[in-house]
Each structure stands twice: as C-alpha cells, then as structure tokens.
Amino acid sequence: MSTTTIKEVYKLPPLPYALNALEPYISEEIMNLHYNKHHNAYVTNLNAALEQYAKAEENNDLPALVALQSAIKFNGGGHINHSIFWTNLAPKEKGGGQAPEGALAKAIENQFGSLNKFIEVFSAKAVAIQGSGWAWLGYNKARNLLEIVTCDNQDPLSTKGLVPLLGIDVWEHAYYLQYKNVRAEYVKAIWNVINWQNVAERFLAVSAK
C-alpha cells in the first residue's frame, strides 16, 4: 500500500516589525499571542489538512475530501487573512497612521467623501460584526470600485469575489487582553498604526491591471 507525503508548503511569514512595535495601540502580549500562537496554529493545521487531503485524494476517498474542505477553508483563510493583516500595520515611526496619498486617497475621497468618513463607515461595520470575523476594504475588479465588506470567522475576502486591500481582525484574540470587551476602542486605536502605504501599493497593483 503506497503512502503519500507532502512537504510543508505554507509557513508563518516573518513579522515585519518587533512584537512591541505597535504599542501602545496593540500590546506586545497580544502580538505574541496573535502571531506566535494563533497564526502559527492556522499554518500548522492547514498543512496537516492538506496532507490528509492528498492521502484521501490518492485513495479516491470522496467523503474524506468533502469533510476536509471546512478545515482547509478555516485554516487557509486564517493564514491568508493574517498574512495580509501584519503588512497592513506599521509602527508610528515607520509611517503607521499616516494618511494615504495618490490614487488610493483619490478613490477613497470620490467614493466616501473623505478619509474620515471612510474610517467612520468602516469602523461601524467592524464593530457591528456578530461574533468573530473581519472587516475589509476590498477592490471590485468588475466594477472598478472600492467596497467595505465583512467576513465571518476566517473566511477570506476571495469568497466574495474581491481583492483584499485592508483588513481589520475583530476576533477577540486580536484585542481582548488589552481592550477587554470594548471592541470599539480597539477599532478606534488601530487606525493609528494602519500602514496606508501598504494599502496603496495593493490598490495600485490591482487597479492598474
């Protein structure tokens, strides 16, 4: 009987700053838990699910293939979302919180009236998510428009047919140790370390195509 072994394809991406670099807005304790424990677990569980999937595929085990879809979606989505999230943030001294410029700034102003209005609308949707999930600024290629949407659990934005530009994690593990149950305070604080340069680069990469 043959066995299938696949090498570990997905790895925890390097964090682009120190664990304490986003303080006081996001504490070192939260970053350590969020990055080294939660994100790392998504990667580990994704690779395990993919290895099981490969074995089930070799054995033509359709029930197992179907059953593994949820684990792949959840852990794969968690890996995708967090890999974007870390780059969407930056320490103050590295530009965190500085307003966007160029094409992204114009697009936000055209669609939402101003950056402040955009932040108001985005924050309201993030705070209103029931349970765990993400708030996203996505790009709709078909309509050439920015869209603010929310996703449940770890569902990636690709499930809604949009390209992710900016995501804010509102799972409790992202803020509870510091902000307790006051999600609104966390969402308000995180704008101080949003890496708008990264968001603008993502926007240019997809809107120019």
C-alpha atoms as a PDB file:
ATOM      1  CA  MET A   1       0.000   0.000   0.000  1.00  0.00           C
ATOM      2  CA  SER A   2       1.515   3.285  -1.051  1.00  0.00           C
ATOM      3  CA  THR A   3       1.708   6.294   1.221  1.00  0.00           C
ATOM      4  CA  THR A   4       1.501   9.954   0.318  1.00  0.00           C
ATOM      5  CA  THR A   5       3.692  12.535   1.972  1.00  0.00           C
ATOM      6  CA  ILE A   6       3.741  16.173   1.021  1.00  0.00           C
ATOM      7  CA  LYS A   7       6.273  18.678   2.224  1.00  0.00           C
ATOM      8  CA  GLU A   8       5.141  21.587   4.358  1.00  0.00           C
ATOM      9  CA  VAL A   9       4.149  24.192   1.794  1.00  0.00           C
ATOM     10  CA  TYR A  10       2.929  27.017   3.994  1.00  0.00           C
ATOM     11  CA  LYS A  11       4.982  28.735   6.665  1.00  0.00           C
ATOM     12  CA  LEU A  12       4.487  31.518   9.179  1.00  0.00           C
ATOM     13  CA  PRO A  13       5.646  34.681   7.370  1.00  0.00           C
ATOM     14  CA  PRO A  14       8.240  36.880   9.085  1.00  0.00           C
ATOM     15  CA  LEU A  15       6.678  39.662  11.124  1.00  0.00           C
ATOM     16  CA  PRO A  16       7.826  42.974   9.556  1.00  0.00           C
ATOM     17  CA  TYR A  17       8.418  44.651  12.939  1.00  0.00           C
ATOM     18  CA  ALA A  18       9.101  43.738  16.558  1.00  0.00           C
ATOM     19  CA  LEU A  19       6.322  42.350  18.724  1.00  0.00           C
ATOM     20  CA  ASN A  20       6.255  45.551  20.788  1.00  0.00           C
ATOM     21  CA  ALA A  21       6.487  47.933  17.820  1.00  0.00           C
ATOM     22  CA  LEU A  22       2.766  48.707  17.669  1.00  0.00           C
ATOM     23  CA  GLU A  23       2.444  49.760  21.304  1.00  0.00           C
ATOM     24  CA  PRO A  24       0.549  51.393  22.912  1.00  0.00           C
ATOM     25  CA  TYR A  25      -2.178  50.657  20.372  1.00  0.00           C
ATOM     26  CA  ILE A  26      -1.554  46.896  20.209  1.00  0.00           C
ATOM     27  CA  SER A  27       0.362  45.423  23.117  1.00  0.00           C
ATOM     28  CA  GLU A  28       3.348  43.101  22.881  1.00  0.00           C
ATOM     29  CA  GLU A  29       1.376  40.483  24.813  1.00  0.00           C
ATOM     30  CA  ILE A  30      -1.394  40.491  22.211  1.00  0.00           C
ATOM     31  CA  MET A  31       1.044  40.418  19.310  1.00  0.00           C
ATOM     32  CA  ASN A  32       2.921  37.460  20.783  1.00  0.00           C
ATOM     33  CA  LEU A  33      -0.291  35.504  21.293  1.00  0.00           C
ATOM     34  CA  HIS A  34      -1.814  36.542  17.978  1.00  0.00           C
ATOM     35  CA  TYR A  35       1.225  35.925  15.788  1.00  0.00           C
ATOM     36  CA  ASN A  36       3.155  33.127  17.504  1.00  0.00           C
ATOM     37  CA  LYS A  37       0.165  31.146  18.745  1.00  0.00           C
ATOM     38  CA  HIS A  38      -2.932  31.813  16.636  1.00  0.00           C
ATOM     39  CA  HIS A  39      -1.406  32.445  13.209  1.00  0.00           C
ATOM     40  CA  ASN A  40       1.122  29.681  13.749  1.00  0.00           C
ATOM     41  CA  ALA A  41      -1.720  27.289  14.592  1.00  0.00           C
ATOM     42  CA  TYR A  42      -3.538  28.139  11.360  1.00  0.00           C
ATOM     43  CA  VAL A  43      -0.409  27.311   9.359  1.00  0.00           C
ATOM     44  CA  THR A  44       0.204  24.056  11.230  1.00  0.00           C
ATOM     45  CA  ASN A  45      -3.401  22.915  10.891  1.00  0.00           C
ATOM     46  CA  LEU A  46      -3.570  23.940   7.230  1.00  0.00           C
ATOM     47  CA  ASN A  47      -0.546  21.837   6.350  1.00  0.00           C
ATOM     48  CA  ALA A  48      -1.963  18.879   8.277  1.00  0.00           C
ATOM     49  CA  ALA A  49      -5.309  19.171   6.492  1.00  0.00           C
ATOM     50  CA  LEU A  50      -3.617  19.395   3.099  1.00  0.00           C
ATOM     51  CA  GLU A  51      -1.560  16.295   3.829  1.00  0.00           C
ATOM     52  CA  GLN A  52      -4.715  14.413   4.804  1.00  0.00           C
ATOM     53  CA  TYR A  53      -6.375  15.714   1.642  1.00  0.00           C
ATOM     54  CA  ALA A  54      -3.546  14.394  -0.512  1.00  0.00           C
ATOM     55  CA  LYS A  55      -3.866  10.954   1.064  1.00  0.00           C
ATOM     56  CA  ALA A  56      -7.647  10.957   0.624  1.00  0.00           C
ATOM     57  CA  GLU A  57      -7.219  12.006  -2.996  1.00  0.00           C
ATOM     58  CA  GLU A  58      -4.800   9.140  -3.615  1.00  0.00           C
ATOM     59  CA  ASN A  59      -7.276   6.710  -2.066  1.00  0.00           C
ATOM     60  CA  ASN A  60     -10.178   8.221  -4.011  1.00  0.00           C
ATOM     61  CA  ASP A  61     -11.921   8.808  -0.662  1.00  0.00           C
ATOM     62  CA  LEU A  62     -14.590  11.311  -1.665  1.00  0.00           C
ATOM     63  CA  PRO A  63     -16.270  11.557   1.771  1.00  0.00           C
ATOM     64  CA  ALA A  64     -12.913  12.452   3.337  1.00  0.00           C
ATOM     65  CA  LEU A  65     -12.203  15.002   0.618  1.00  0.00           C
ATOM     66  CA  VAL A  66     -15.524  16.699   1.295  1.00  0.00           C
ATOM     67  CA  ALA A  67     -15.074  16.572   5.069  1.00  0.00           C
ATOM     68  CA  LEU A  68     -11.650  18.233   4.872  1.00  0.00           C
ATOM     69  CA  GLN A  69     -12.949  21.264   2.964  1.00  0.00           C
ATOM     70  CA  SER A  70     -14.010  23.114   6.118  1.00  0.00           C
ATOM     71  CA  ALA A  71     -10.604  22.680   7.800  1.00  0.00           C
ATOM     72  CA  ILE A  72      -8.810  23.883   4.691  1.00  0.00           C
ATOM     73  CA  LYS A  73     -11.121  26.885   4.340  1.00  0.00           C
ATOM     74  CA  PHE A  74     -10.855  27.876   8.004  1.00  0.00           C
ATOM     75  CA  ASN A  75      -7.114  27.416   8.464  1.00  0.00           C
ATOM     76  CA  GLY A  76      -6.221  28.501   4.941  1.00  0.00           C
ATOM     77  CA  GLY A  77      -8.362  31.597   5.375  1.00  0.00           C
ATOM     78  CA  GLY A  78      -6.737  32.300   8.724  1.00  0.00           C
ATOM     79  CA  HIS A  79      -3.311  32.119   7.118  1.00  0.00           C
ATOM     80  CA  ILE A  80      -4.296  34.321   4.173  1.00  0.00           C
ATOM     81  CA  ASN A  81      -6.015  36.926   6.339  1.00  0.00           C
ATOM     82  CA  HIS A  82      -3.282  37.249   8.927  1.00  0.00           C
ATOM     83  CA  SER A  83      -0.503  37.367   6.318  1.00  0.00           C
ATOM     84  CA  ILE A  84      -2.222  40.474   4.918  1.00  0.00           C
ATOM     85  CA  PHE A  85      -3.076  41.896   8.339  1.00  0.00           C
ATOM     86  CA  TRP A  86       0.545  42.091   9.547  1.00  0.00           C
ATOM     87  CA  THR A  87       1.578  44.073   6.466  1.00  0.00           C
ATOM     88  CA  ASN A  88      -1.456  46.371   6.827  1.00  0.00           C
ATOM     89  CA  LEU A  89       0.057  47.583  10.118  1.00  0.00           C
ATOM     90  CA  ALA A  90       3.189  49.617  10.803  1.00  0.00           C
ATOM     91  CA  PRO A  91       4.788  51.358  13.797  1.00  0.00           C
ATOM     92  CA  LYS A  92       4.216  55.118  14.023  1.00  0.00           C
ATOM     93  CA  GLU A  93       7.879  55.816  13.246  1.00  0.00           C
ATOM     94  CA  LYS A  94       7.559  53.708  10.081  1.00  0.00           C
ATOM     95  CA  GLY A  95       4.545  55.577   8.772  1.00  0.00           C
ATOM     96  CA  GLY A  96       1.758  53.896  10.706  1.00  0.00           C
ATOM     97  CA  GLY A  97      -1.343  56.070  10.734  1.00  0.00           C
ATOM     98  CA  GLN A  98      -0.143  58.484   8.048  1.00  0.00           C
ATOM     99  CA  ALA A  99      -2.961  59.314   5.646  1.00  0.00           C
ATOM    100  CA  PRO A 100      -2.912  57.688   2.206  1.00  0.00           C
ATOM    101  CA  GLU A 101      -1.818  59.639  -0.829  1.00  0.00           C
ATOM    102  CA  GLY A 102      -2.127  59.373  -4.577  1.00  0.00           C
ATOM    103  CA  ALA A 103      -4.627  57.149  -6.383  1.00  0.00           C
ATOM    104  CA  LEU A 104      -5.921  55.443  -3.245  1.00  0.00           C
ATOM    105  CA  ALA A 105      -6.584  58.752  -1.493  1.00  0.00           C
ATOM    106  CA  LYS A 106      -8.490  60.000  -4.546  1.00  0.00           C
ATOM    107  CA  ALA A 107     -10.534  56.812  -4.795  1.00  0.00           C
ATOM    108  CA  ILE A 108     -11.481  56.991  -1.103  1.00  0.00           C
ATOM    109  CA  GLU A 109     -12.450  60.648  -1.418  1.00  0.00           C
ATOM    110  CA  ASN A 110     -14.510  60.016  -4.559  1.00  0.00           C
ATOM    111  CA  GLN A 111     -16.436  57.121  -3.074  1.00  0.00           C
ATOM    112  CA  PHE A 112     -16.720  58.055   0.597  1.00  0.00           C
ATOM    113  CA  GLY A 113     -16.311  61.843   0.631  1.00  0.00           C
ATOM    114  CA  SER A 114     -13.246  61.891   2.858  1.00  0.00           C
ATOM    115  CA  LEU A 115     -10.822  59.629   4.695  1.00  0.00           C
ATOM    116  CA  ASN A 116     -12.566  60.423   7.985  1.00  0.00           C
ATOM    117  CA  LYS A 117     -15.930  59.411   6.556  1.00  0.00           C
ATOM    118  CA  PHE A 118     -14.420  56.198   5.213  1.00  0.00           C
ATOM    119  CA  ILE A 119     -12.947  55.376   8.636  1.00  0.00           C
ATOM    120  CA  GLU A 120     -16.320  56.110  10.246  1.00  0.00           C
ATOM    121  CA  VAL A 121     -18.188  53.748   7.915  1.00  0.00           C
ATOM    122  CA  PHE A 122     -15.513  51.037   8.070  1.00  0.00           C
ATOM    123  CA  SER A 123     -15.297  51.199  11.869  1.00  0.00           C
ATOM    124  CA  ALA A 124     -19.056  50.949  12.281  1.00  0.00           C
ATOM    125  CA  LYS A 125     -19.152  47.789  10.186  1.00  0.00           C
ATOM    126  CA  ALA A 126     -16.201  46.277  12.053  1.00  0.00           C
ATOM    127  CA  VAL A 127     -17.720  46.939  15.459  1.00  0.00           C
ATOM    128  CA  ALA A 128     -21.121  45.581  14.387  1.00  0.00           C
ATOM    129  CA  ILE A 129     -19.836  42.135  13.339  1.00  0.00           C
ATOM    130  CA  GLN A 130     -21.633  39.498  15.390  1.00  0.00           C
ATOM    131  CA  GLY A 131     -19.204  37.014  16.868  1.00  0.00           C
ATOM    132  CA  SER A 132     -15.828  36.605  15.189  1.00  0.00           C
ATOM    133  CA  GLY A 133     -14.798  37.906  11.788  1.00  0.00           C
ATOM    134  CA  TRP A 134     -13.026  40.521   9.710  1.00  0.00           C
ATOM    135  CA  ALA A 135     -13.829  43.910   8.208  1.00  0.00           C
ATOM    136  CA  TRP A 136     -12.254  44.550   4.812  1.00  0.00           C
ATOM    137  CA  LEU A 137     -11.633  47.212   2.244  1.00  0.00           C
ATOM    138  CA  GLY A 138     -11.702  45.274  -0.990  1.00  0.00           C
ATOM    139  CA  TYR A 139     -11.385  46.086  -4.652  1.00  0.00           C
ATOM    140  CA  ASN A 140     -14.058  45.011  -7.101  1.00  0.00           C
ATOM    141  CA  LYS A 141     -12.308  44.494 -10.424  1.00  0.00           C
ATOM    142  CA  ALA A 142     -15.501  44.117 -12.413  1.00  0.00           C
ATOM    143  CA  ARG A 143     -16.923  47.428 -11.189  1.00  0.00           C
ATOM    144  CA  ASN A 144     -13.605  49.236 -10.623  1.00  0.00           C
ATOM    145  CA  LEU A 145     -14.778  50.230  -7.147  1.00  0.00           C
ATOM    146  CA  LEU A 146     -13.689  50.035  -3.529  1.00  0.00           C
ATOM    147  CA  GLU A 147     -16.024  48.109  -1.235  1.00  0.00           C
ATOM    148  CA  ILE A 148     -16.259  47.794   2.546  1.00  0.00           C
ATOM    149  CA  VAL A 149     -17.434  44.320   3.470  1.00  0.00           C
ATOM    150  CA  THR A 150     -17.316  41.922   6.394  1.00  0.00           C
ATOM    151  CA  CYS A 151     -16.493  38.224   6.506  1.00  0.00           C
ATOM    152  CA  ASP A 152     -17.435  35.663   9.136  1.00  0.00           C
ATOM    153  CA  ASN A 153     -14.854  33.673  11.060  1.00  0.00           C
ATOM    154  CA  GLN A 154     -11.713  33.277   8.903  1.00  0.00           C
ATOM    155  CA  ASP A 155     -13.418  33.372   5.512  1.00  0.00           C
ATOM    156  CA  PRO A 156     -11.028  35.112   3.091  1.00  0.00           C
ATOM    157  CA  LEU A 157     -12.261  38.030   1.017  1.00  0.00           C
ATOM    158  CA  SER A 158     -11.808  35.986  -2.155  1.00  0.00           C
ATOM    159  CA  THR A 159     -15.017  34.162  -1.163  1.00  0.00           C
ATOM    160  CA  LYS A 160     -16.835  37.406  -2.008  1.00  0.00           C
ATOM    161  CA  GLY A 161     -15.005  37.893  -5.296  1.00  0.00           C
ATOM    162  CA  LEU A 162     -12.998  40.887  -4.071  1.00  0.00           C
ATOM    163  CA  VAL A 163      -9.285  41.617  -3.833  1.00  0.00           C
ATOM    164  CA  PRO A 164      -8.225  42.388  -0.237  1.00  0.00           C
ATOM    165  CA  LEU A 165      -6.567  45.746   0.389  1.00  0.00           C
ATOM    166  CA  LEU A 166      -7.051  46.379   4.112  1.00  0.00           C
ATOM    167  CA  GLY A 167      -8.328  44.040   6.789  1.00  0.00           C
ATOM    168  CA  ILE A 168      -9.033  44.506  10.479  1.00  0.00           C
ATOM    169  CA  ASP A 169      -9.280  41.389  12.604  1.00  0.00           C
ATOM    170  CA  VAL A 170     -12.095  41.596  15.148  1.00  0.00           C
ATOM    171  CA  TRP A 171     -11.723  38.160  16.667  1.00  0.00           C
ATOM    172  CA  GLU A 172     -11.455  38.530  20.446  1.00  0.00           C
ATOM    173  CA  HIS A 173      -7.885  37.208  20.428  1.00  0.00           C
ATOM    174  CA  ALA A 174      -6.907  40.353  18.490  1.00  0.00           C
ATOM    175  CA  TYR A 175      -7.840  42.738  21.299  1.00  0.00           C
ATOM    176  CA  TYR A 176      -9.373  41.185  24.421  1.00  0.00           C
ATOM    177  CA  LEU A 177      -6.227  41.120  26.586  1.00  0.00           C
ATOM    178  CA  GLN A 178      -5.877  44.884  26.158  1.00  0.00           C
ATOM    179  CA  TYR A 179      -9.322  46.263  25.379  1.00  0.00           C
ATOM    180  CA  LYS A 180     -11.446  43.613  27.159  1.00  0.00           C
ATOM    181  CA  ASN A 181     -14.903  43.512  25.589  1.00  0.00           C
ATOM    182  CA  VAL A 182     -14.778  47.070  24.208  1.00  0.00           C
ATOM    183  CA  ARG A 183     -14.214  46.259  20.541  1.00  0.00           C
ATOM    184  CA  ALA A 184     -14.966  49.849  19.517  1.00  0.00           C
ATOM    185  CA  GLU A 185     -11.926  51.136  21.432  1.00  0.00           C
ATOM    186  CA  TYR A 186      -9.670  48.625  19.697  1.00  0.00           C
ATOM    187  CA  VAL A 187     -11.021  49.558  16.277  1.00  0.00           C
ATOM    188  CA  LYS A 188     -10.578  53.257  17.071  1.00  0.00           C
ATOM    189  CA  ALA A 189      -6.990  52.710  18.229  1.00  0.00           C
ATOM    190  CA  ILE A 190      -5.833  50.543  15.352  1.00  0.00           C
ATOM    191  CA  TRP A 191      -6.137  53.393  12.825  1.00  0.00           C
ATOM    192  CA  ASN A 192      -3.054  54.887  14.498  1.00  0.00           C
ATOM    193  CA  VAL A 193      -0.934  52.058  13.102  1.00  0.00           C
ATOM    194  CA  ILE A 194      -2.586  51.361   9.747  1.00  0.00           C
ATOM    195  CA  ASN A 195       0.064  51.110   7.038  1.00  0.00           C
ATOM    196  CA  TRP A 196      -1.633  53.137   4.335  1.00  0.00           C
ATOM    197  CA  GLN A 197       1.428  52.847   2.085  1.00  0.00           C
ATOM    198  CA  ASN A 198       0.925  49.087   2.011  1.00  0.00           C
ATOM    199  CA  VAL A 199      -2.781  49.509   1.278  1.00  0.00           C
ATOM    200  CA  ALA A 200      -1.983  51.981  -1.515  1.00  0.00           C
ATOM    201  CA  GLU A 201       0.535  49.586  -3.052  1.00  0.00           C
ATOM    202  CA  ARG A 202      -2.046  46.814  -3.032  1.00  0.00           C
ATOM    203  CA  PHE A 203      -4.573  49.147  -4.665  1.00  0.00           C
ATOM    204  CA  LEU A 204      -2.179  50.191  -7.425  1.00  0.00           C
ATOM    205  CA  ALA A 205      -1.216  46.581  -8.100  1.00  0.00           C
ATOM    206  CA  VAL A 206      -4.801  45.553  -8.857  1.00  0.00           C
ATOM    207  CA  SER A 207      -6.387  48.741 -10.210  1.00  0.00           C
ATOM    208  CA  ALA A 208      -3.668  49.230 -12.820  1.00  0.00           C
ATOM    209  CA  LYS A 209      -4.378  45.855 -14.446  1.00  0.00           C
END
